[in-house]
């Protein structure tokens, strides 16, 4: 499997504290209609830290059942305990997920050798293609370029990385270190175009929950080397890309989705709903884009 294009990091809708399957189905249908290449179920945007195991697997199963025949379903099954990550990944594979997103273990801050051992154990326990996820701002560590190269060499099903370190230089380092067949995707909407100019092939996007067709068009233009069109799209939506992170993700994107009637803006503690000062900053951005 190759990863290229737009993959939406889906928000998980809640209503009265429970997973809102009807809202999720509507969101999934919108994604398919807009032409996304895939969806990520239960990543950071899906509030994975506050879903219990039963809920976690229920969201993955729903995505597979509803759109698994139309687009790639990537299951967020990472954890800071290797045994838990293995269990979730095997369960997701049994449910029919097409791939797994594996975030770097958070809080316990393993060494790079620990990361190699962690991801290798997961890779050996599943047949699913694996996309690594490096986001040091949340995890406290990065998946080093050398570590990524070692994993790409020794684990045939580790085939991609979602890079969310905030640095274009990291893309250059990775592109030099890993085989050409190993795909790099941006983990930040605002950096998608710079990253793609350096060899990334697409994005795992938060903004595409709201504007999937726009993100799809921008990424397709960049992959087609039409950076004039891609840059125009980037400039138009850049305020949105940044505005969605004025509060911890997914607070802002859920608020924006609620404005459009897709779902409630319910988030689970310790996240709290959008604050009034941030709402006052975000509303003009959304209104300017007709959202």
C-alpha atoms as a PDB file:
ATOM      1  CA  UNK A   1       0.000   0.000   0.000  1.00  0.00           C
ATOM      2  CA  UNK A   2       1.175   3.510  -0.814  1.00  0.00           C
ATOM      3  CA  UNK A   3       0.012   6.632   0.993  1.00  0.00           C
ATOM      4  CA  UNK A   4      -0.449   9.637  -1.247  1.00  0.00           C
ATOM      5  CA  UNK A   5      -3.083  12.354  -1.160  1.00  0.00           C
ATOM      6  CA  UNK A   6      -5.526  13.559   1.490  1.00  0.00           C
ATOM      7  CA  UNK A   7      -6.383  11.551   4.585  1.00  0.00           C
ATOM      8  CA  UNK A   8      -8.853  13.152   6.964  1.00  0.00           C
ATOM      9  CA  UNK A   9      -8.137  12.847  10.684  1.00  0.00           C
ATOM     10  CA  UNK A  10     -11.775  12.399  11.613  1.00  0.00           C
ATOM     11  CA  UNK A  11     -13.403  14.097  14.565  1.00  0.00           C
ATOM     12  CA  UNK A  12     -15.383  11.704  16.745  1.00  0.00           C
ATOM     13  CA  UNK A  13     -18.887  13.144  17.267  1.00  0.00           C
ATOM     14  CA  UNK A  14     -20.483  12.922  20.709  1.00  0.00           C
ATOM     15  CA  UNK A  15     -24.057  13.483  21.801  1.00  0.00           C
ATOM     16  CA  UNK A  16     -24.922  13.426  25.481  1.00  0.00           C
ATOM     17  CA  UNK A  17     -21.565  11.839  26.189  1.00  0.00           C
ATOM     18  CA  UNK A  18     -21.877   8.912  23.761  1.00  0.00           C
ATOM     19  CA  UNK A  19     -20.483   8.240  20.287  1.00  0.00           C
ATOM     20  CA  UNK A  20     -22.921   9.801  17.790  1.00  0.00           C
ATOM     21  CA  UNK A  21     -22.979   7.269  14.962  1.00  0.00           C
ATOM     22  CA  UNK A  22     -25.490   9.199  12.839  1.00  0.00           C
ATOM     23  CA  UNK A  23     -23.294  12.300  12.831  1.00  0.00           C
ATOM     24  CA  UNK A  24     -20.229  10.176  12.102  1.00  0.00           C
ATOM     25  CA  UNK A  25     -21.954   8.573   9.132  1.00  0.00           C
ATOM     26  CA  UNK A  26     -22.803  12.010   7.699  1.00  0.00           C
ATOM     27  CA  UNK A  27     -19.217  13.146   8.115  1.00  0.00           C
ATOM     28  CA  UNK A  28     -17.916  10.004   6.427  1.00  0.00           C
ATOM     29  CA  UNK A  29     -20.282  10.411   3.477  1.00  0.00           C
ATOM     30  CA  UNK A  30     -19.110  13.988   2.990  1.00  0.00           C
ATOM     31  CA  UNK A  31     -15.492  12.814   2.903  1.00  0.00           C
ATOM     32  CA  UNK A  32     -16.117  10.193   0.251  1.00  0.00           C
ATOM     33  CA  UNK A  33     -18.130  12.609  -1.873  1.00  0.00           C
ATOM     34  CA  UNK A  34     -15.282  15.149  -1.742  1.00  0.00           C
ATOM     35  CA  UNK A  35     -12.777  12.601  -3.014  1.00  0.00           C
ATOM     36  CA  UNK A  36     -10.455  12.086  -0.049  1.00  0.00           C
ATOM     37  CA  UNK A  37      -8.035   9.197  -0.387  1.00  0.00           C
ATOM     38  CA  UNK A  38      -8.627   7.932   3.113  1.00  0.00           C
ATOM     39  CA  UNK A  39      -9.705   8.623   6.661  1.00  0.00           C
ATOM     40  CA  UNK A  40      -8.041   8.179  10.031  1.00  0.00           C
ATOM     41  CA  UNK A  41     -10.359   6.852  12.716  1.00  0.00           C
ATOM     42  CA  UNK A  42      -9.434   7.619  16.324  1.00  0.00           C
ATOM     43  CA  UNK A  43      -6.356   9.749  15.961  1.00  0.00           C
ATOM     44  CA  UNK A  44      -5.695  12.857  18.044  1.00  0.00           C
ATOM     45  CA  UNK A  45      -8.557  14.671  16.315  1.00  0.00           C
ATOM     46  CA  UNK A  46     -10.763  11.703  17.182  1.00  0.00           C
ATOM     47  CA  UNK A  47     -10.029  12.220  20.886  1.00  0.00           C
ATOM     48  CA  UNK A  48      -8.323   8.854  21.266  1.00  0.00           C
ATOM     49  CA  UNK A  49      -7.012   9.599  24.792  1.00  0.00           C
ATOM     50  CA  UNK A  50     -10.542   9.816  26.205  1.00  0.00           C
ATOM     51  CA  UNK A  51     -12.170   6.867  24.431  1.00  0.00           C
ATOM     52  CA  UNK A  52     -12.214   3.562  26.236  1.00  0.00           C
ATOM     53  CA  UNK A  53     -11.167   0.445  24.335  1.00  0.00           C
ATOM     54  CA  UNK A  54     -14.741  -0.541  23.448  1.00  0.00           C
ATOM     55  CA  UNK A  55     -15.485   2.935  22.063  1.00  0.00           C
ATOM     56  CA  UNK A  56     -12.139   3.073  20.265  1.00  0.00           C
ATOM     57  CA  UNK A  57     -12.873  -0.118  18.378  1.00  0.00           C
ATOM     58  CA  UNK A  58     -16.500   0.878  17.763  1.00  0.00           C
ATOM     59  CA  UNK A  59     -15.370   4.035  15.925  1.00  0.00           C
ATOM     60  CA  UNK A  60     -12.919   2.066  13.801  1.00  0.00           C
ATOM     61  CA  UNK A  61     -15.555  -0.542  12.982  1.00  0.00           C
ATOM     62  CA  UNK A  62     -18.069   2.121  12.000  1.00  0.00           C
ATOM     63  CA  UNK A  63     -15.609   3.752   9.619  1.00  0.00           C
ATOM     64  CA  UNK A  64     -14.771   0.404   8.028  1.00  0.00           C
ATOM     65  CA  UNK A  65     -18.421  -0.586   7.707  1.00  0.00           C
ATOM     66  CA  UNK A  66     -19.551   2.738   6.233  1.00  0.00           C
ATOM     67  CA  UNK A  67     -16.711   3.700   3.866  1.00  0.00           C
ATOM     68  CA  UNK A  68     -14.230   0.838   3.891  1.00  0.00           C
ATOM     69  CA  UNK A  69     -15.172  -0.153   0.351  1.00  0.00           C
ATOM     70  CA  UNK A  70     -14.673   3.388  -0.922  1.00  0.00           C
ATOM     71  CA  UNK A  71     -11.540   4.781   0.761  1.00  0.00           C
ATOM     72  CA  UNK A  72      -8.599   3.662   2.860  1.00  0.00           C
ATOM     73  CA  UNK A  73      -9.423   3.430   6.564  1.00  0.00           C
ATOM     74  CA  UNK A  74      -6.398   3.990   8.777  1.00  0.00           C
ATOM     75  CA  UNK A  75      -6.964   2.992  12.390  1.00  0.00           C
ATOM     76  CA  UNK A  76      -5.271   5.034  15.076  1.00  0.00           C
ATOM     77  CA  UNK A  77      -4.019   2.228  17.311  1.00  0.00           C
ATOM     78  CA  UNK A  78      -0.915   3.680  18.918  1.00  0.00           C
ATOM     79  CA  UNK A  79      -0.349   3.739  22.670  1.00  0.00           C
ATOM     80  CA  UNK A  80       2.406   4.403  25.183  1.00  0.00           C
ATOM     81  CA  UNK A  81       2.281   0.746  26.223  1.00  0.00           C
ATOM     82  CA  UNK A  82       3.515  -1.597  23.514  1.00  0.00           C
ATOM     83  CA  UNK A  83       1.145  -4.371  24.606  1.00  0.00           C
ATOM     84  CA  UNK A  84      -1.853  -2.046  24.296  1.00  0.00           C
ATOM     85  CA  UNK A  85      -0.754  -0.865  20.855  1.00  0.00           C
ATOM     86  CA  UNK A  86      -0.361  -4.473  19.719  1.00  0.00           C
ATOM     87  CA  UNK A  87      -3.811  -5.390  21.056  1.00  0.00           C
ATOM     88  CA  UNK A  88      -5.571  -2.411  19.434  1.00  0.00           C
ATOM     89  CA  UNK A  89      -3.783  -2.985  16.133  1.00  0.00           C
ATOM     90  CA  UNK A  90      -4.701  -6.651  15.998  1.00  0.00           C
ATOM     91  CA  UNK A  91      -8.303  -5.835  16.841  1.00  0.00           C
ATOM     92  CA  UNK A  92      -8.418  -3.153  14.134  1.00  0.00           C
ATOM     93  CA  UNK A  93      -7.004  -5.617  11.618  1.00  0.00           C
ATOM     94  CA  UNK A  94      -9.717  -8.109  12.542  1.00  0.00           C
ATOM     95  CA  UNK A  95     -12.343  -5.399  12.026  1.00  0.00           C
ATOM     96  CA  UNK A  96     -11.137  -4.793   8.476  1.00  0.00           C
ATOM     97  CA  UNK A  97      -9.042  -1.627   8.793  1.00  0.00           C
ATOM     98  CA  UNK A  98      -6.651  -1.155   5.895  1.00  0.00           C
ATOM     99  CA  UNK A  99      -3.727   0.341   7.811  1.00  0.00           C
ATOM    100  CA  UNK A 100      -2.584   1.502  11.241  1.00  0.00           C
ATOM    101  CA  UNK A 101      -1.372   4.892  12.482  1.00  0.00           C
ATOM    102  CA  UNK A 102       1.197   4.485  15.260  1.00  0.00           C
ATOM    103  CA  UNK A 103       1.989   7.553  17.327  1.00  0.00           C
ATOM    104  CA  UNK A 104       5.254   7.750  19.242  1.00  0.00           C
ATOM    105  CA  UNK A 105       4.774   6.586  22.842  1.00  0.00           C
ATOM    106  CA  UNK A 106       3.946   9.617  24.954  1.00  0.00           C
ATOM    107  CA  UNK A 107       4.812  10.574  28.534  1.00  0.00           C
ATOM    108  CA  UNK A 108       7.259   7.678  29.156  1.00  0.00           C
ATOM    109  CA  UNK A 109       9.708   9.158  26.597  1.00  0.00           C
ATOM    110  CA  UNK A 110      11.573   6.055  25.399  1.00  0.00           C
ATOM    111  CA  UNK A 111      14.990   6.269  23.781  1.00  0.00           C
ATOM    112  CA  UNK A 112      15.369   5.866  20.033  1.00  0.00           C
ATOM    113  CA  UNK A 113      16.352   2.238  20.688  1.00  0.00           C
ATOM    114  CA  UNK A 114      13.122   1.891  22.652  1.00  0.00           C
ATOM    115  CA  UNK A 115      11.170   3.301  19.712  1.00  0.00           C
ATOM    116  CA  UNK A 116      12.749   0.757  17.365  1.00  0.00           C
ATOM    117  CA  UNK A 117      11.811  -2.068  19.736  1.00  0.00           C
ATOM    118  CA  UNK A 118       8.286  -0.691  20.259  1.00  0.00           C
ATOM    119  CA  UNK A 119       7.390  -0.219  16.607  1.00  0.00           C
ATOM    120  CA  UNK A 120       9.125  -3.451  15.570  1.00  0.00           C
ATOM    121  CA  UNK A 121       7.015  -5.440  18.051  1.00  0.00           C
ATOM    122  CA  UNK A 122       3.833  -3.894  16.636  1.00  0.00           C
ATOM    123  CA  UNK A 123       4.903  -4.499  13.043  1.00  0.00           C
ATOM    124  CA  UNK A 124       5.641  -8.150  13.770  1.00  0.00           C
ATOM    125  CA  UNK A 125       2.198  -8.602  15.327  1.00  0.00           C
ATOM    126  CA  UNK A 126       0.169  -7.444  12.316  1.00  0.00           C
ATOM    127  CA  UNK A 127      -0.042  -7.650   8.546  1.00  0.00           C
ATOM    128  CA  UNK A 128      -1.371  -4.090   8.305  1.00  0.00           C
ATOM    129  CA  UNK A 129       0.705  -1.392   6.629  1.00  0.00           C
ATOM    130  CA  UNK A 130       1.896   0.997   9.341  1.00  0.00           C
ATOM    131  CA  UNK A 131       2.195   4.769   9.228  1.00  0.00           C
ATOM    132  CA  UNK A 132       4.427   6.131  11.973  1.00  0.00           C
ATOM    133  CA  UNK A 133       3.382   9.396  13.628  1.00  0.00           C
ATOM    134  CA  UNK A 134       6.011  11.782  14.947  1.00  0.00           C
ATOM    135  CA  UNK A 135       4.582  14.701  16.920  1.00  0.00           C
ATOM    136  CA  UNK A 136       7.106  15.795  19.554  1.00  0.00           C
ATOM    137  CA  UNK A 137       4.944  18.708  20.711  1.00  0.00           C
ATOM    138  CA  UNK A 138       2.476  16.199  22.161  1.00  0.00           C
ATOM    139  CA  UNK A 139       4.708  13.196  22.854  1.00  0.00           C
ATOM    140  CA  UNK A 140       7.872  14.873  24.141  1.00  0.00           C
ATOM    141  CA  UNK A 141      10.041  12.908  21.683  1.00  0.00           C
ATOM    142  CA  UNK A 142      10.450  12.665  17.936  1.00  0.00           C
ATOM    143  CA  UNK A 143      10.904   9.582  15.836  1.00  0.00           C
ATOM    144  CA  UNK A 144      14.398  10.320  14.562  1.00  0.00           C
ATOM    145  CA  UNK A 145      15.233  10.191  10.868  1.00  0.00           C
ATOM    146  CA  UNK A 146      17.747   7.423  11.541  1.00  0.00           C
ATOM    147  CA  UNK A 147      15.194   5.507  13.570  1.00  0.00           C
ATOM    148  CA  UNK A 148      12.647   5.855  10.781  1.00  0.00           C
ATOM    149  CA  UNK A 149      15.196   4.598   8.253  1.00  0.00           C
ATOM    150  CA  UNK A 150      16.042   1.589  10.437  1.00  0.00           C
ATOM    151  CA  UNK A 151      12.371   0.702  10.821  1.00  0.00           C
ATOM    152  CA  UNK A 152      11.769   1.103   7.076  1.00  0.00           C
ATOM    153  CA  UNK A 153      14.687  -1.255   6.434  1.00  0.00           C
ATOM    154  CA  UNK A 154      13.842  -3.941   8.997  1.00  0.00           C
ATOM    155  CA  UNK A 155      10.019  -3.899   9.039  1.00  0.00           C
ATOM    156  CA  UNK A 156       8.521  -4.319   5.551  1.00  0.00           C
ATOM    157  CA  UNK A 157       5.058  -3.189   6.674  1.00  0.00           C
ATOM    158  CA  UNK A 158       6.284   0.125   8.123  1.00  0.00           C
ATOM    159  CA  UNK A 159       5.859   2.146   4.965  1.00  0.00           C
ATOM    160  CA  UNK A 160       5.051   5.764   5.861  1.00  0.00           C
ATOM    161  CA  UNK A 161       5.335   8.540   8.425  1.00  0.00           C
ATOM    162  CA  UNK A 162       3.021  11.357   9.406  1.00  0.00           C
ATOM    163  CA  UNK A 163       5.439  14.171  10.155  1.00  0.00           C
ATOM    164  CA  UNK A 164       4.159  16.774  12.610  1.00  0.00           C
ATOM    165  CA  UNK A 165       7.363  18.221  13.993  1.00  0.00           C
ATOM    166  CA  UNK A 166       6.770  21.640  12.471  1.00  0.00           C
ATOM    167  CA  UNK A 167      10.007  21.716  10.486  1.00  0.00           C
ATOM    168  CA  UNK A 168      10.518  21.536   6.746  1.00  0.00           C
ATOM    169  CA  UNK A 169      14.111  20.516   7.430  1.00  0.00           C
ATOM    170  CA  UNK A 170      12.801  17.297   8.976  1.00  0.00           C
ATOM    171  CA  UNK A 171      11.219  16.395   5.645  1.00  0.00           C
ATOM    172  CA  UNK A 172      14.549  16.870   3.914  1.00  0.00           C
ATOM    173  CA  UNK A 173      16.305  14.746   6.562  1.00  0.00           C
ATOM    174  CA  UNK A 174      13.703  12.011   6.233  1.00  0.00           C
ATOM    175  CA  UNK A 175      13.723  12.075   2.451  1.00  0.00           C
ATOM    176  CA  UNK A 176      17.503  11.587   2.482  1.00  0.00           C
ATOM    177  CA  UNK A 177      17.291   8.774   5.040  1.00  0.00           C
ATOM    178  CA  UNK A 178      14.419   6.590   3.837  1.00  0.00           C
ATOM    179  CA  UNK A 179      13.844   4.742   0.550  1.00  0.00           C
ATOM    180  CA  UNK A 180      11.967   6.556  -2.186  1.00  0.00           C
ATOM    181  CA  UNK A 181       9.108   4.102  -1.754  1.00  0.00           C
ATOM    182  CA  UNK A 182       8.607   5.213   1.868  1.00  0.00           C
ATOM    183  CA  UNK A 183       5.943   7.924   1.935  1.00  0.00           C
ATOM    184  CA  UNK A 184       6.065  11.092   4.032  1.00  0.00           C
ATOM    185  CA  UNK A 185       2.802  12.887   4.820  1.00  0.00           C
ATOM    186  CA  UNK A 186       2.380  16.248   6.492  1.00  0.00           C
ATOM    187  CA  UNK A 187       0.739  16.211   9.897  1.00  0.00           C
ATOM    188  CA  UNK A 188       0.055  19.965   9.840  1.00  0.00           C
ATOM    189  CA  UNK A 189      -2.342  21.548   7.349  1.00  0.00           C
ATOM    190  CA  UNK A 190      -0.419  24.824   7.336  1.00  0.00           C
ATOM    191  CA  UNK A 191       2.803  23.012   6.348  1.00  0.00           C
ATOM    192  CA  UNK A 192       1.381  20.674   3.730  1.00  0.00           C
ATOM    193  CA  UNK A 193       2.506  22.706   0.747  1.00  0.00           C
ATOM    194  CA  UNK A 194       6.060  23.411   2.023  1.00  0.00           C
ATOM    195  CA  UNK A 195       6.445  19.751   2.953  1.00  0.00           C
ATOM    196  CA  UNK A 196       5.209  18.578  -0.443  1.00  0.00           C
ATOM    197  CA  UNK A 197       7.701  20.842  -2.185  1.00  0.00           C
ATOM    198  CA  UNK A 198      10.414  18.825  -0.400  1.00  0.00           C
ATOM    199  CA  UNK A 199       9.109  15.353  -1.120  1.00  0.00           C
ATOM    200  CA  UNK A 200       6.042  14.706   1.040  1.00  0.00           C
ATOM    201  CA  UNK A 201       3.132  13.132  -0.825  1.00  0.00           C
ATOM    202  CA  UNK A 202       0.114  14.500   0.999  1.00  0.00           C
ATOM    203  CA  UNK A 203      -1.436  15.264   4.363  1.00  0.00           C
ATOM    204  CA  UNK A 204      -3.281  13.775   7.293  1.00  0.00           C
ATOM    205  CA  UNK A 205      -5.588  16.736   7.626  1.00  0.00           C
ATOM    206  CA  UNK A 206      -7.734  18.285  10.335  1.00  0.00           C
ATOM    207  CA  UNK A 207      -9.086  21.008   8.041  1.00  0.00           C
ATOM    208  CA  UNK A 208     -10.508  18.456   5.607  1.00  0.00           C
ATOM    209  CA  UNK A 209     -13.180  17.624   8.170  1.00  0.00           C
ATOM    210  CA  UNK A 210     -14.553  21.038   7.166  1.00  0.00           C
ATOM    211  CA  UNK A 211     -13.268  21.685   3.653  1.00  0.00           C
ATOM    212  CA  UNK A 212     -12.384  18.274   2.220  1.00  0.00           C
ATOM    213  CA  UNK A 213     -12.718  19.230  -1.429  1.00  0.00           C
ATOM    214  CA  UNK A 214     -10.401  22.225  -1.023  1.00  0.00           C
ATOM    215  CA  UNK A 215      -7.690  20.164   0.656  1.00  0.00           C
ATOM    216  CA  UNK A 216      -8.055  17.422  -1.946  1.00  0.00           C
ATOM    217  CA  UNK A 217      -7.640  19.962  -4.772  1.00  0.00           C
ATOM    218  CA  UNK A 218      -4.588  21.562  -3.166  1.00  0.00           C
ATOM    219  CA  UNK A 219      -2.841  18.233  -2.599  1.00  0.00           C
ATOM    220  CA  UNK A 220      -3.676  16.909  -6.064  1.00  0.00           C
ATOM    221  CA  UNK A 221      -2.319  20.088  -7.619  1.00  0.00           C
ATOM    222  CA  UNK A 222       0.926  19.788  -5.655  1.00  0.00           C
ATOM    223  CA  UNK A 223       1.312  16.110  -6.525  1.00  0.00           C
ATOM    224  CA  UNK A 224       0.760  17.112 -10.143  1.00  0.00           C
ATOM    225  CA  UNK A 225       3.530  19.757  -9.851  1.00  0.00           C
ATOM    226  CA  UNK A 226       1.023  22.563 -10.351  1.00  0.00           C
ATOM    227  CA  UNK A 227       2.285  24.653  -7.475  1.00  0.00           C
ATOM    228  CA  UNK A 228       0.649  27.804  -8.819  1.00  0.00           C
ATOM    229  CA  UNK A 229      -2.789  26.351  -8.145  1.00  0.00           C
ATOM    230  CA  UNK A 230      -1.639  24.683  -4.935  1.00  0.00           C
ATOM    231  CA  UNK A 231      -0.196  27.919  -3.573  1.00  0.00           C
ATOM    232  CA  UNK A 232      -3.384  29.835  -4.353  1.00  0.00           C
ATOM    233  CA  UNK A 233      -5.384  27.237  -2.398  1.00  0.00           C
ATOM    234  CA  UNK A 234      -2.885  27.342   0.447  1.00  0.00           C
ATOM    235  CA  UNK A 235      -3.095  31.124   0.709  1.00  0.00           C
ATOM    236  CA  UNK A 236      -6.882  31.091   0.680  1.00  0.00           C
ATOM    237  CA  UNK A 237      -7.190  28.510   3.443  1.00  0.00           C
ATOM    238  CA  UNK A 238      -4.084  29.313   5.479  1.00  0.00           C
ATOM    239  CA  UNK A 239      -6.046  31.404   8.046  1.00  0.00           C
ATOM    240  CA  UNK A 240      -8.323  28.398   8.592  1.00  0.00           C
ATOM    241  CA  UNK A 241      -5.380  26.005   8.856  1.00  0.00           C
ATOM    242  CA  UNK A 242      -3.954  28.136  11.664  1.00  0.00           C
ATOM    243  CA  UNK A 243      -7.264  29.112  13.235  1.00  0.00           C
ATOM    244  CA  UNK A 244      -8.267  25.519  13.889  1.00  0.00           C
ATOM    245  CA  UNK A 245      -5.416  25.291  16.394  1.00  0.00           C
ATOM    246  CA  UNK A 246      -6.199  28.374  18.466  1.00  0.00           C
ATOM    247  CA  UNK A 247      -7.451  25.898  21.076  1.00  0.00           C
ATOM    248  CA  UNK A 248      -6.182  22.343  21.625  1.00  0.00           C
ATOM    249  CA  UNK A 249      -7.324  20.121  18.766  1.00  0.00           C
ATOM    250  CA  UNK A 250     -10.159  19.142  18.151  1.00  0.00           C
ATOM    251  CA  UNK A 251     -11.960  21.915  20.051  1.00  0.00           C
ATOM    252  CA  UNK A 252     -11.978  24.391  17.167  1.00  0.00           C
ATOM    253  CA  UNK A 253     -12.773  21.959  14.375  1.00  0.00           C
ATOM    254  CA  UNK A 254     -15.676  20.543  16.369  1.00  0.00           C
ATOM    255  CA  UNK A 255     -16.979  24.052  16.974  1.00  0.00           C
ATOM    256  CA  UNK A 256     -16.739  24.790  13.243  1.00  0.00           C
ATOM    257  CA  UNK A 257     -18.443  21.504  12.349  1.00  0.00           C
ATOM    258  CA  UNK A 258     -21.230  22.314  14.798  1.00  0.00           C
ATOM    259  CA  UNK A 259     -21.719  25.698  13.108  1.00  0.00           C
ATOM    260  CA  UNK A 260     -22.355  23.806   9.891  1.00  0.00           C
ATOM    261  CA  UNK A 261     -24.721  21.352  11.539  1.00  0.00           C
ATOM    262  CA  UNK A 262     -22.567  18.249  11.156  1.00  0.00           C
ATOM    263  CA  UNK A 263     -22.372  17.403  14.868  1.00  0.00           C
ATOM    264  CA  UNK A 264     -22.438  18.923  18.322  1.00  0.00           C
ATOM    265  CA  UNK A 265     -19.320  20.688  19.594  1.00  0.00           C
ATOM    266  CA  UNK A 266     -19.128  18.313  22.566  1.00  0.00           C
ATOM    267  CA  UNK A 267     -15.605  17.391  23.657  1.00  0.00           C
ATOM    268  CA  UNK A 268     -14.603  15.209  26.560  1.00  0.00           C
ATOM    269  CA  UNK A 269     -12.815  16.422  29.656  1.00  0.00           C
ATOM    270  CA  UNK A 270     -10.114  17.473  30.170  1.00  0.00           C
ATOM    271  CA  UNK A 271     -10.847  19.332  26.929  1.00  0.00           C
ATOM    272  CA  UNK A 272     -13.409  22.100  27.265  1.00  0.00           C
ATOM    273  CA  UNK A 273     -15.558  23.883  24.659  1.00  0.00           C
ATOM    274  CA  UNK A 274     -14.188  26.821  22.709  1.00  0.00           C
ATOM    275  CA  UNK A 275     -13.613  29.962  24.768  1.00  0.00           C
ATOM    276  CA  UNK A 276     -15.275  33.263  23.916  1.00  0.00           C
ATOM    277  CA  UNK A 277     -11.994  35.040  22.965  1.00  0.00           C
ATOM    278  CA  UNK A 278     -11.042  32.251  20.554  1.00  0.00           C
ATOM    279  CA  UNK A 279     -14.568  32.123  19.129  1.00  0.00           C
ATOM    280  CA  UNK A 280     -14.274  35.842  18.366  1.00  0.00           C
ATOM    281  CA  UNK A 281     -11.047  35.154  16.434  1.00  0.00           C
ATOM    282  CA  UNK A 282     -12.297  32.075  14.608  1.00  0.00           C
ATOM    283  CA  UNK A 283     -15.767  33.236  13.571  1.00  0.00           C
ATOM    284  CA  UNK A 284     -14.529  35.857  11.057  1.00  0.00           C
ATOM    285  CA  UNK A 285     -12.245  33.258   9.461  1.00  0.00           C
ATOM    286  CA  UNK A 286     -15.115  30.803   9.074  1.00  0.00           C
ATOM    287  CA  UNK A 287     -17.489  33.481   7.793  1.00  0.00           C
ATOM    288  CA  UNK A 288     -14.916  34.684   5.277  1.00  0.00           C
ATOM    289  CA  UNK A 289     -14.829  31.177   3.792  1.00  0.00           C
ATOM    290  CA  UNK A 290     -18.586  30.778   3.839  1.00  0.00           C
ATOM    291  CA  UNK A 291     -18.483  28.190   6.594  1.00  0.00           C
END
